[in-house]
Amino acid sequence: MSRYFFALSPGDKIRKKIVLSRSKLSCYGRWVNTENIHLTLLFLGELTQKQLQKVVYEAKKIIFPEFEMSLNETGFFRKPQIAWLGLNTIPESLLILNRCLLDAAKQSDIAISQQTYKPHVTLSRKSEKLNKIAIESIKWKVTEFVLLKSIDTRHGVKYQTIESFKVSHNY
């Protein structure tokens, strides 16, 4: 079985800004591959085919408006040794989307062990401590979310888009 998760996947312009911002940080570790940069909405883990089909069906029912967020601070998760780029103000729309996806997972008989949702973009793994600092804000307009499949390869992890879910203009 493969691991799945819902995420926001930035367009090329935002992705380049994220890469540029991380290059300015004095942080050592294993940089996340540029093509793997994303903001996780909800990690699902391993799924059966039935669960996968059901969660896609449930996610298609989610109605959400287009919204904007700003990546504008850095931080560090000590235990997994992850340096990240985050938001000092989390848009309510992002929190609602996370809750809707939690409900979709529940409706699909997927057990989720999410603690408090801390939206972030992982910059580096096996990193040394990165102090929380403000950075030049990267504005990100959210118009869709995706379901990704994590695939282990001998060259590292690759993410495959399984489904895209567009913003609803009837919100």
N, C-alpha and C. Protein backbone atom coordinates (compact mmCIF):
# COMPACT_ATOMS: atom_id res chain seq x y z
N MET A 1 0.84 -1.20 0.00
CA MET A 1 0.00 0.00 0.00
C MET A 1 0.87 1.25 0.00
N SER A 2 0.35 2.31 -0.54
CA SER A 2 1.05 3.59 -0.59
C SER A 2 0.48 4.55 0.44
N ARG A 3 1.24 5.61 0.73
CA ARG A 3 0.79 6.64 1.66
C ARG A 3 0.18 7.79 0.86
N TYR A 4 -0.91 8.33 1.35
CA TYR A 4 -1.64 9.40 0.67
C TYR A 4 -1.81 10.59 1.60
N PHE A 5 -1.94 11.77 0.99
CA PHE A 5 -2.23 12.96 1.77
C PHE A 5 -2.83 14.04 0.88
N PHE A 6 -3.65 14.90 1.49
CA PHE A 6 -4.19 16.07 0.80
C PHE A 6 -3.21 17.22 1.02
N ALA A 7 -3.04 18.04 -0.01
CA ALA A 7 -2.07 19.13 0.10
C ALA A 7 -2.45 20.29 -0.80
N LEU A 8 -1.79 21.41 -0.55
CA LEU A 8 -1.80 22.54 -1.47
C LEU A 8 -0.47 22.46 -2.20
N SER A 9 -0.54 22.48 -3.50
CA SER A 9 0.67 22.39 -4.32
C SER A 9 0.87 23.73 -5.02
N PRO A 10 1.97 24.41 -4.73
CA PRO A 10 2.15 25.75 -5.31
C PRO A 10 2.45 25.69 -6.81
N GLY A 11 2.07 26.75 -7.49
CA GLY A 11 2.45 26.89 -8.89
C GLY A 11 3.94 27.19 -8.99
N ASP A 12 4.45 27.21 -10.19
CA ASP A 12 5.89 27.42 -10.39
C ASP A 12 6.41 28.72 -9.79
N LYS A 13 5.63 29.80 -9.91
CA LYS A 13 6.06 31.11 -9.41
C LYS A 13 6.23 31.08 -7.89
N ILE A 14 5.27 30.52 -7.18
CA ILE A 14 5.34 30.42 -5.72
C ILE A 14 6.45 29.46 -5.32
N ARG A 15 6.56 28.36 -6.02
CA ARG A 15 7.60 27.36 -5.74
C ARG A 15 8.99 28.00 -5.83
N LYS A 16 9.21 28.83 -6.85
CA LYS A 16 10.51 29.50 -7.02
C LYS A 16 10.78 30.47 -5.88
N LYS A 17 9.74 31.17 -5.43
CA LYS A 17 9.89 32.10 -4.30
C LYS A 17 10.24 31.35 -3.02
N ILE A 18 9.63 30.18 -2.82
CA ILE A 18 9.94 29.37 -1.63
C ILE A 18 11.39 28.91 -1.67
N VAL A 19 11.83 28.43 -2.83
CA VAL A 19 13.21 27.98 -2.99
C VAL A 19 14.18 29.14 -2.75
N LEU A 20 13.84 30.32 -3.28
CA LEU A 20 14.69 31.49 -3.08
C LEU A 20 14.76 31.87 -1.60
N SER A 21 13.62 31.83 -0.91
CA SER A 21 13.61 32.20 0.51
C SER A 21 14.43 31.23 1.33
N ARG A 22 14.38 29.94 1.03
CA ARG A 22 15.14 28.97 1.82
C ARG A 22 16.64 29.10 1.57
N SER A 23 17.00 29.56 0.38
CA SER A 23 18.43 29.72 0.09
C SER A 23 19.04 30.85 0.91
N LYS A 24 18.21 31.73 1.46
CA LYS A 24 18.70 32.84 2.27
C LYS A 24 18.84 32.48 3.75
N LEU A 25 18.42 31.27 4.12
CA LEU A 25 18.45 30.86 5.51
C LEU A 25 19.77 30.17 5.84
N SER A 26 20.26 30.41 7.03
CA SER A 26 21.47 29.71 7.46
C SER A 26 21.03 28.44 8.19
N CYS A 27 20.69 27.46 7.40
CA CYS A 27 20.14 26.23 7.92
C CYS A 27 20.76 25.07 7.16
N TYR A 28 21.16 24.05 7.89
CA TYR A 28 21.77 22.89 7.25
C TYR A 28 20.87 21.69 7.46
N GLY A 29 20.79 20.87 6.45
CA GLY A 29 19.97 19.67 6.50
C GLY A 29 19.79 19.16 5.08
N ARG A 30 18.81 18.31 4.90
CA ARG A 30 18.53 17.77 3.57
C ARG A 30 17.34 18.54 2.98
N TRP A 31 17.63 19.42 2.01
CA TRP A 31 16.58 20.23 1.40
C TRP A 31 15.53 19.33 0.74
N VAL A 32 14.29 19.73 0.85
CA VAL A 32 13.21 19.03 0.14
C VAL A 32 13.38 19.32 -1.35
N ASN A 33 13.24 18.29 -2.18
CA ASN A 33 13.32 18.50 -3.64
C ASN A 33 12.30 19.54 -4.07
N THR A 34 12.72 20.42 -4.96
CA THR A 34 11.86 21.51 -5.41
C THR A 34 10.49 21.03 -5.86
N GLU A 35 10.46 19.93 -6.63
CA GLU A 35 9.17 19.45 -7.14
C GLU A 35 8.28 18.86 -6.05
N ASN A 36 8.84 18.59 -4.87
CA ASN A 36 8.06 18.03 -3.76
C ASN A 36 7.54 19.08 -2.78
N ILE A 37 7.82 20.34 -3.03
CA ILE A 37 7.38 21.40 -2.12
C ILE A 37 5.85 21.48 -2.12
N HIS A 38 5.27 21.46 -0.92
CA HIS A 38 3.81 21.50 -0.77
C HIS A 38 3.47 21.92 0.67
N LEU A 39 2.20 22.18 0.90
CA LEU A 39 1.68 22.43 2.24
C LEU A 39 0.65 21.33 2.51
N THR A 40 0.93 20.48 3.47
CA THR A 40 0.02 19.37 3.77
C THR A 40 -1.26 19.90 4.42
N LEU A 41 -2.38 19.41 3.92
CA LEU A 41 -3.68 19.72 4.52
C LEU A 41 -4.09 18.63 5.50
N LEU A 42 -3.87 17.37 5.09
CA LEU A 42 -4.22 16.24 5.94
C LEU A 42 -3.49 14.99 5.46
N PHE A 43 -2.75 14.36 6.37
CA PHE A 43 -2.06 13.11 6.05
C PHE A 43 -3.03 11.96 6.30
N LEU A 44 -3.20 11.10 5.30
CA LEU A 44 -4.14 9.98 5.40
C LEU A 44 -3.45 8.67 5.72
N GLY A 45 -2.21 8.51 5.29
CA GLY A 45 -1.49 7.26 5.51
C GLY A 45 -1.80 6.23 4.44
N GLU A 46 -1.64 4.97 4.79
CA GLU A 46 -1.90 3.90 3.84
C GLU A 46 -3.41 3.69 3.72
N LEU A 47 -3.88 3.49 2.49
CA LEU A 47 -5.31 3.33 2.23
C LEU A 47 -5.57 2.07 1.41
N THR A 48 -6.72 1.47 1.65
CA THR A 48 -7.18 0.41 0.76
C THR A 48 -7.77 1.08 -0.48
N GLN A 49 -8.00 0.33 -1.52
CA GLN A 49 -8.61 0.88 -2.74
C GLN A 49 -10.01 1.43 -2.43
N LYS A 50 -10.74 0.74 -1.58
CA LYS A 50 -12.09 1.18 -1.20
C LYS A 50 -12.03 2.52 -0.46
N GLN A 51 -11.10 2.65 0.49
CA GLN A 51 -10.95 3.91 1.22
C GLN A 51 -10.55 5.03 0.27
N LEU A 52 -9.64 4.75 -0.65
CA LEU A 52 -9.18 5.75 -1.61
C LEU A 52 -10.33 6.26 -2.46
N GLN A 53 -11.11 5.36 -3.00
CA GLN A 53 -12.26 5.76 -3.83
C GLN A 53 -13.26 6.58 -3.03
N LYS A 54 -13.53 6.16 -1.80
CA LYS A 54 -14.50 6.85 -0.96
C LYS A 54 -14.00 8.25 -0.56
N VAL A 55 -12.73 8.38 -0.20
CA VAL A 55 -12.23 9.69 0.23
C VAL A 55 -12.20 10.66 -0.95
N VAL A 56 -11.91 10.18 -2.15
CA VAL A 56 -11.97 11.05 -3.34
C VAL A 56 -13.41 11.51 -3.56
N TYR A 57 -14.36 10.58 -3.45
CA TYR A 57 -15.78 10.90 -3.60
C TYR A 57 -16.20 11.96 -2.58
N GLU A 58 -15.80 11.78 -1.32
CA GLU A 58 -16.16 12.73 -0.26
C GLU A 58 -15.48 14.08 -0.47
N ALA A 59 -14.23 14.08 -0.89
CA ALA A 59 -13.50 15.34 -1.11
C ALA A 59 -14.11 16.14 -2.25
N LYS A 60 -14.65 15.47 -3.25
CA LYS A 60 -15.29 16.17 -4.37
C LYS A 60 -16.52 16.94 -3.93
N LYS A 61 -17.10 16.59 -2.79
CA LYS A 61 -18.28 17.28 -2.27
C LYS A 61 -17.92 18.57 -1.53
N ILE A 62 -16.65 18.75 -1.21
CA ILE A 62 -16.23 19.92 -0.42
C ILE A 62 -16.34 21.17 -1.27
N ILE A 63 -17.04 22.14 -0.71
CA ILE A 63 -17.19 23.45 -1.37
C ILE A 63 -16.35 24.44 -0.58
N PHE A 64 -15.41 25.08 -1.27
CA PHE A 64 -14.57 26.06 -0.58
C PHE A 64 -14.27 27.22 -1.52
N PRO A 65 -14.13 28.43 -0.94
CA PRO A 65 -13.85 29.61 -1.76
C PRO A 65 -12.36 29.74 -2.04
N GLU A 66 -12.05 30.49 -3.07
CA GLU A 66 -10.66 30.87 -3.33
C GLU A 66 -10.23 31.74 -2.15
N PHE A 67 -9.00 31.57 -1.70
CA PHE A 67 -8.50 32.42 -0.62
C PHE A 67 -7.00 32.63 -0.80
N GLU A 68 -6.48 33.60 -0.06
CA GLU A 68 -5.06 33.91 -0.13
C GLU A 68 -4.44 33.73 1.25
N MET A 69 -3.20 33.27 1.25
CA MET A 69 -2.46 33.15 2.50
C MET A 69 -1.05 33.68 2.25
N SER A 70 -0.35 33.96 3.34
CA SER A 70 1.00 34.50 3.24
C SER A 70 1.96 33.64 4.05
N LEU A 71 2.95 33.10 3.36
CA LEU A 71 4.04 32.41 4.04
C LEU A 71 5.00 33.50 4.48
N ASN A 72 5.19 33.65 5.80
CA ASN A 72 5.94 34.81 6.26
C ASN A 72 6.76 34.58 7.53
N GLU A 73 6.95 33.32 7.91
CA GLU A 73 7.81 33.07 9.05
C GLU A 73 8.46 31.69 8.90
N THR A 74 9.55 31.52 9.63
CA THR A 74 10.23 30.23 9.62
C THR A 74 10.12 29.61 11.00
N GLY A 75 10.38 28.33 11.08
CA GLY A 75 10.34 27.65 12.36
C GLY A 75 10.99 26.29 12.27
N PHE A 76 10.93 25.57 13.39
CA PHE A 76 11.63 24.30 13.50
C PHE A 76 10.83 23.35 14.38
N PHE A 77 10.60 22.13 13.89
CA PHE A 77 10.01 21.07 14.70
C PHE A 77 11.17 20.22 15.20
N ARG A 78 11.38 20.21 16.50
CA ARG A 78 12.55 19.59 17.10
C ARG A 78 12.60 18.08 16.89
N LYS A 79 11.52 17.37 17.22
CA LYS A 79 11.57 15.91 17.19
C LYS A 79 11.82 15.35 15.78
N PRO A 80 11.08 15.82 14.74
CA PRO A 80 11.41 15.28 13.41
C PRO A 80 12.56 16.03 12.74
N GLN A 81 13.10 17.07 13.40
CA GLN A 81 14.21 17.87 12.85
C GLN A 81 13.84 18.46 11.48
N ILE A 82 12.74 19.20 11.48
CA ILE A 82 12.24 19.81 10.24
C ILE A 82 12.27 21.32 10.36
N ALA A 83 12.93 21.97 9.39
CA ALA A 83 12.88 23.43 9.26
C ALA A 83 11.73 23.73 8.31
N TRP A 84 10.93 24.72 8.65
CA TRP A 84 9.75 24.99 7.85
C TRP A 84 9.50 26.47 7.62
N LEU A 85 8.62 26.71 6.65
CA LEU A 85 8.13 28.04 6.30
C LEU A 85 6.64 28.01 6.62
N GLY A 86 6.19 29.00 7.38
CA GLY A 86 4.79 28.97 7.81
C GLY A 86 4.10 30.31 7.74
N LEU A 87 2.95 30.35 8.39
CA LEU A 87 2.07 31.52 8.35
C LEU A 87 1.91 32.05 9.77
N ASN A 88 2.15 33.34 9.97
CA ASN A 88 1.91 33.86 11.32
C ASN A 88 0.42 34.13 11.54
N THR A 89 -0.35 34.23 10.46
CA THR A 89 -1.80 34.33 10.54
C THR A 89 -2.40 33.28 9.63
N ILE A 90 -3.14 32.35 10.21
CA ILE A 90 -3.73 31.26 9.43
C ILE A 90 -5.14 31.66 8.99
N PRO A 91 -5.38 31.69 7.67
CA PRO A 91 -6.72 32.05 7.20
C PRO A 91 -7.77 31.06 7.68
N GLU A 92 -8.90 31.56 8.07
CA GLU A 92 -10.00 30.71 8.51
C GLU A 92 -10.38 29.71 7.43
N SER A 93 -10.30 30.10 6.16
CA SER A 93 -10.64 29.20 5.05
C SER A 93 -9.73 27.97 5.04
N LEU A 94 -8.47 28.14 5.41
CA LEU A 94 -7.54 27.01 5.45
C LEU A 94 -7.92 26.05 6.58
N LEU A 95 -8.28 26.59 7.72
CA LEU A 95 -8.71 25.75 8.85
C LEU A 95 -10.01 25.01 8.53
N ILE A 96 -10.92 25.68 7.85
CA ILE A 96 -12.19 25.05 7.46
C ILE A 96 -11.92 23.91 6.48
N LEU A 97 -11.04 24.16 5.52
CA LEU A 97 -10.70 23.12 4.54
C LEU A 97 -10.11 21.90 5.25
N ASN A 98 -9.23 22.12 6.21
CA ASN A 98 -8.66 21.02 6.98
C ASN A 98 -9.75 20.23 7.71
N ARG A 99 -10.69 20.94 8.34
CA ARG A 99 -11.79 20.26 9.06
C ARG A 99 -12.69 19.48 8.10
N CYS A 100 -12.95 20.04 6.91
CA CYS A 100 -13.76 19.33 5.91
C CYS A 100 -13.07 18.05 5.46
N LEU A 101 -11.75 18.11 5.30
CA LEU A 101 -10.99 16.93 4.90
C LEU A 101 -10.95 15.89 6.02
N LEU A 102 -10.87 16.34 7.26
CA LEU A 102 -10.97 15.41 8.40
C LEU A 102 -12.30 14.68 8.37
N ASP A 103 -13.38 15.41 8.07
CA ASP A 103 -14.70 14.81 7.99
C ASP A 103 -14.78 13.82 6.81
N ALA A 104 -14.19 14.19 5.67
CA ALA A 104 -14.16 13.29 4.50
C ALA A 104 -13.43 11.99 4.85
N ALA A 105 -12.34 12.10 5.60
CA ALA A 105 -11.60 10.91 6.03
C ALA A 105 -12.45 10.05 6.96
N LYS A 106 -13.13 10.71 7.89
CA LYS A 106 -13.99 9.98 8.82
C LYS A 106 -15.10 9.24 8.07
N GLN A 107 -15.70 9.92 7.09
CA GLN A 107 -16.77 9.31 6.28
C GLN A 107 -16.25 8.14 5.46
N SER A 108 -14.95 8.08 5.26
CA SER A 108 -14.31 7.04 4.44
C SER A 108 -13.66 5.95 5.29
N ASP A 109 -13.99 5.94 6.59
CA ASP A 109 -13.45 4.96 7.53
C ASP A 109 -11.92 4.97 7.59
N ILE A 110 -11.36 6.20 7.56
CA ILE A 110 -9.91 6.37 7.68
C ILE A 110 -9.64 6.97 9.06
N ALA A 111 -8.86 6.26 9.85
CA ALA A 111 -8.51 6.74 11.19
C ALA A 111 -7.38 7.77 11.06
N ILE A 112 -7.62 8.96 11.55
CA ILE A 112 -6.64 10.04 11.48
C ILE A 112 -6.16 10.36 12.90
N SER A 113 -4.85 10.52 13.04
CA SER A 113 -4.29 10.83 14.36
C SER A 113 -3.74 12.25 14.40
N GLN A 114 -4.37 13.17 13.67
CA GLN A 114 -3.89 14.55 13.62
C GLN A 114 -4.02 15.21 14.99
N GLN A 115 -2.97 15.84 15.42
CA GLN A 115 -3.00 16.62 16.65
C GLN A 115 -3.52 18.01 16.24
N THR A 116 -2.93 19.05 16.75
CA THR A 116 -3.28 20.41 16.34
C THR A 116 -2.71 20.64 14.95
N TYR A 117 -3.52 21.21 14.06
CA TYR A 117 -3.08 21.47 12.69
C TYR A 117 -2.14 22.66 12.66
N LYS A 118 -0.94 22.46 12.19
CA LYS A 118 0.08 23.51 12.07
C LYS A 118 0.52 23.57 10.61
N PRO A 119 -0.19 24.37 9.79
CA PRO A 119 0.16 24.43 8.36
C PRO A 119 1.55 25.00 8.15
N HIS A 120 2.31 24.32 7.29
CA HIS A 120 3.68 24.73 7.01
C HIS A 120 4.16 24.08 5.72
N VAL A 121 5.22 24.63 5.17
CA VAL A 121 5.91 24.05 4.03
C VAL A 121 7.26 23.57 4.56
N THR A 122 7.53 22.27 4.45
CA THR A 122 8.81 21.74 4.91
C THR A 122 9.91 22.19 3.96
N LEU A 123 10.94 22.81 4.53
CA LEU A 123 12.08 23.27 3.74
C LEU A 123 13.22 22.26 3.77
N SER A 124 13.47 21.71 4.95
CA SER A 124 14.63 20.84 5.14
C SER A 124 14.32 19.78 6.18
N ARG A 125 14.81 18.57 5.94
CA ARG A 125 14.70 17.47 6.89
C ARG A 125 16.08 17.19 7.48
N LYS A 126 16.08 16.52 8.64
CA LYS A 126 17.34 16.27 9.37
C LYS A 126 18.12 17.57 9.49
N SER A 127 17.38 18.59 9.87
CA SER A 127 17.90 19.95 9.92
C SER A 127 18.42 20.28 11.31
N GLU A 128 19.26 21.30 11.37
CA GLU A 128 19.61 21.83 12.67
C GLU A 128 18.57 22.90 13.00
N LYS A 129 18.56 23.34 14.23
CA LYS A 129 17.54 24.29 14.69
C LYS A 129 17.53 25.55 13.84
N LEU A 130 16.35 25.93 13.46
CA LEU A 130 16.12 27.17 12.72
C LEU A 130 15.22 28.02 13.59
N ASN A 131 15.71 29.16 14.03
CA ASN A 131 14.90 30.03 14.87
C ASN A 131 13.75 30.62 14.09
N LYS A 132 12.67 30.90 14.80
CA LYS A 132 11.49 31.49 14.19
C LYS A 132 11.81 32.94 13.85
N ILE A 133 11.85 33.25 12.56
CA ILE A 133 12.13 34.62 12.13
C ILE A 133 11.12 35.02 11.05
N ALA A 134 10.85 36.29 10.97
CA ALA A 134 9.98 36.80 9.92
C ALA A 134 10.80 36.87 8.62
N ILE A 135 10.15 36.59 7.53
CA ILE A 135 10.81 36.67 6.22
C ILE A 135 9.94 37.50 5.29
N GLU A 136 10.46 37.81 4.13
CA GLU A 136 9.65 38.53 3.15
C GLU A 136 8.46 37.65 2.77
N SER A 137 7.27 38.20 2.91
CA SER A 137 6.04 37.46 2.73
C SER A 137 5.89 36.91 1.30
N ILE A 138 5.48 35.66 1.22
CA ILE A 138 5.18 35.03 -0.07
C ILE A 138 3.67 34.83 -0.12
N LYS A 139 3.00 35.62 -0.94
CA LYS A 139 1.54 35.52 -1.05
C LYS A 139 1.20 34.35 -1.97
N TRP A 140 0.22 33.56 -1.53
CA TRP A 140 -0.16 32.33 -2.23
C TRP A 140 -1.67 32.32 -2.36
N LYS A 141 -2.17 32.43 -3.58
CA LYS A 141 -3.61 32.35 -3.84
C LYS A 141 -3.98 30.88 -4.01
N VAL A 142 -4.91 30.42 -3.19
CA VAL A 142 -5.32 29.02 -3.22
C VAL A 142 -6.58 28.87 -4.05
N THR A 143 -6.46 28.09 -5.13
CA THR A 143 -7.61 27.85 -6.02
C THR A 143 -7.93 26.37 -6.16
N GLU A 144 -7.10 25.52 -5.55
CA GLU A 144 -7.35 24.08 -5.58
C GLU A 144 -6.52 23.38 -4.52
N PHE A 145 -6.91 22.16 -4.21
CA PHE A 145 -6.08 21.29 -3.40
C PHE A 145 -5.96 19.97 -4.14
N VAL A 146 -5.00 19.15 -3.74
CA VAL A 146 -4.73 17.91 -4.45
C VAL A 146 -4.63 16.74 -3.47
N LEU A 147 -4.86 15.55 -4.00
CA LEU A 147 -4.59 14.32 -3.27
C LEU A 147 -3.32 13.75 -3.87
N LEU A 148 -2.31 13.57 -3.03
CA LEU A 148 -1.01 13.08 -3.49
C LEU A 148 -0.73 11.69 -2.94
N LYS A 149 0.00 10.93 -3.73
CA LYS A 149 0.47 9.60 -3.34
C LYS A 149 1.98 9.69 -3.19
N SER A 150 2.50 9.23 -2.08
CA SER A 150 3.93 9.26 -1.82
C SER A 150 4.53 7.94 -2.31
N ILE A 151 5.52 8.05 -3.18
CA ILE A 151 6.15 6.87 -3.76
C ILE A 151 7.64 6.90 -3.41
N ASP A 152 8.10 5.84 -2.76
CA ASP A 152 9.52 5.71 -2.44
C ASP A 152 10.26 5.20 -3.66
N THR A 153 11.33 5.90 -4.05
CA THR A 153 12.16 5.45 -5.15
C THR A 153 13.60 5.40 -4.64
N ARG A 154 14.48 4.83 -5.42
CA ARG A 154 15.87 4.77 -4.96
C ARG A 154 16.52 6.15 -4.99
N HIS A 155 15.86 7.13 -5.64
CA HIS A 155 16.37 8.50 -5.68
C HIS A 155 15.64 9.41 -4.69
N GLY A 156 14.86 8.81 -3.81
CA GLY A 156 14.10 9.59 -2.84
C GLY A 156 12.60 9.49 -3.08
N VAL A 157 11.86 10.24 -2.31
CA VAL A 157 10.41 10.23 -2.40
C VAL A 157 9.94 11.07 -3.58
N LYS A 158 8.94 10.58 -4.29
CA LYS A 158 8.27 11.31 -5.36
C LYS A 158 6.79 11.38 -5.00
N TYR A 159 6.15 12.47 -5.38
CA TYR A 159 4.72 12.62 -5.14
C TYR A 159 3.98 12.59 -6.46
N GLN A 160 2.95 11.76 -6.51
CA GLN A 160 2.11 11.64 -7.71
C GLN A 160 0.74 12.22 -7.40
N THR A 161 0.26 13.12 -8.26
CA THR A 161 -1.07 13.69 -8.07
C THR A 161 -2.11 12.66 -8.50
N ILE A 162 -2.99 12.32 -7.59
CA ILE A 162 -4.06 11.36 -7.86
C ILE A 162 -5.31 12.09 -8.33
N GLU A 163 -5.59 13.24 -7.72
CA GLU A 163 -6.81 14.00 -8.04
C GLU A 163 -6.60 15.46 -7.65
N SER A 164 -7.19 16.36 -8.43
CA SER A 164 -7.20 17.79 -8.11
C SER A 164 -8.63 18.21 -7.81
N PHE A 165 -8.79 19.10 -6.85
CA PHE A 165 -10.11 19.57 -6.43
C PHE A 165 -10.10 21.08 -6.52
N LYS A 166 -10.89 21.63 -7.42
CA LYS A 166 -10.91 23.07 -7.69
C LYS A 166 -11.81 23.82 -6.72
N VAL A 167 -11.52 25.10 -6.59
CA VAL A 167 -12.33 26.00 -5.79
C VAL A 167 -13.77 26.05 -6.34
N SER A 168 -14.73 26.28 -5.47
CA SER A 168 -16.11 26.40 -5.90
C SER A 168 -16.46 27.88 -6.04
N HIS A 169 -16.99 28.24 -7.17
CA HIS A 169 -17.40 29.63 -7.38
C HIS A 169 -18.83 29.87 -6.92
N ASN A 170 -19.46 28.81 -6.40
CA ASN A 170 -20.84 28.93 -5.88
C ASN A 170 -20.83 28.96 -4.37
N TYR A 171 -19.74 29.39 -3.78
CA TYR A 171 -19.60 29.35 -2.33
C TYR A 171 -20.50 30.35 -1.68
